[in-house]
């Protein structure tokens, strides 16, 4: 069992940056592959980025490539999402998710693959 808590959201102008953090309450954080998802009002929750449990492999969806970077610090039990060049369409609640992974290098991109979710943090980008 692992609990994850997101932080770092807020209000930012278009073109600005935010860094989201996700703190995991487990002593075996390095056993979990991690991901970020987001949900805008009236829309389905969608995949943003994922990273393998070792941190060696990661993947981001096309609409954030070149702007968002996912990373993790296994020693600190923390996942990050660095968001640059933010756009109004990035406005959403951002969720952190975790799944226990056997493979060091595998990441997961589907909501159904994740077992543990945080409560989310609001990101609002003004134009």
Foldseek 3Di string as FASTA:
>chain_A
DKAKAKDWADEEAAQAKIKMKIAIDDLPQLQKKKFKWWDDPPDDIFGAKTAFSLRPDMDGDPVQPPFWDWGDDSVRRMIMIIGGRDDQVVWTWMKMFIDGDPDRGDIDGDPVRTDYIYPTDTHGYHD
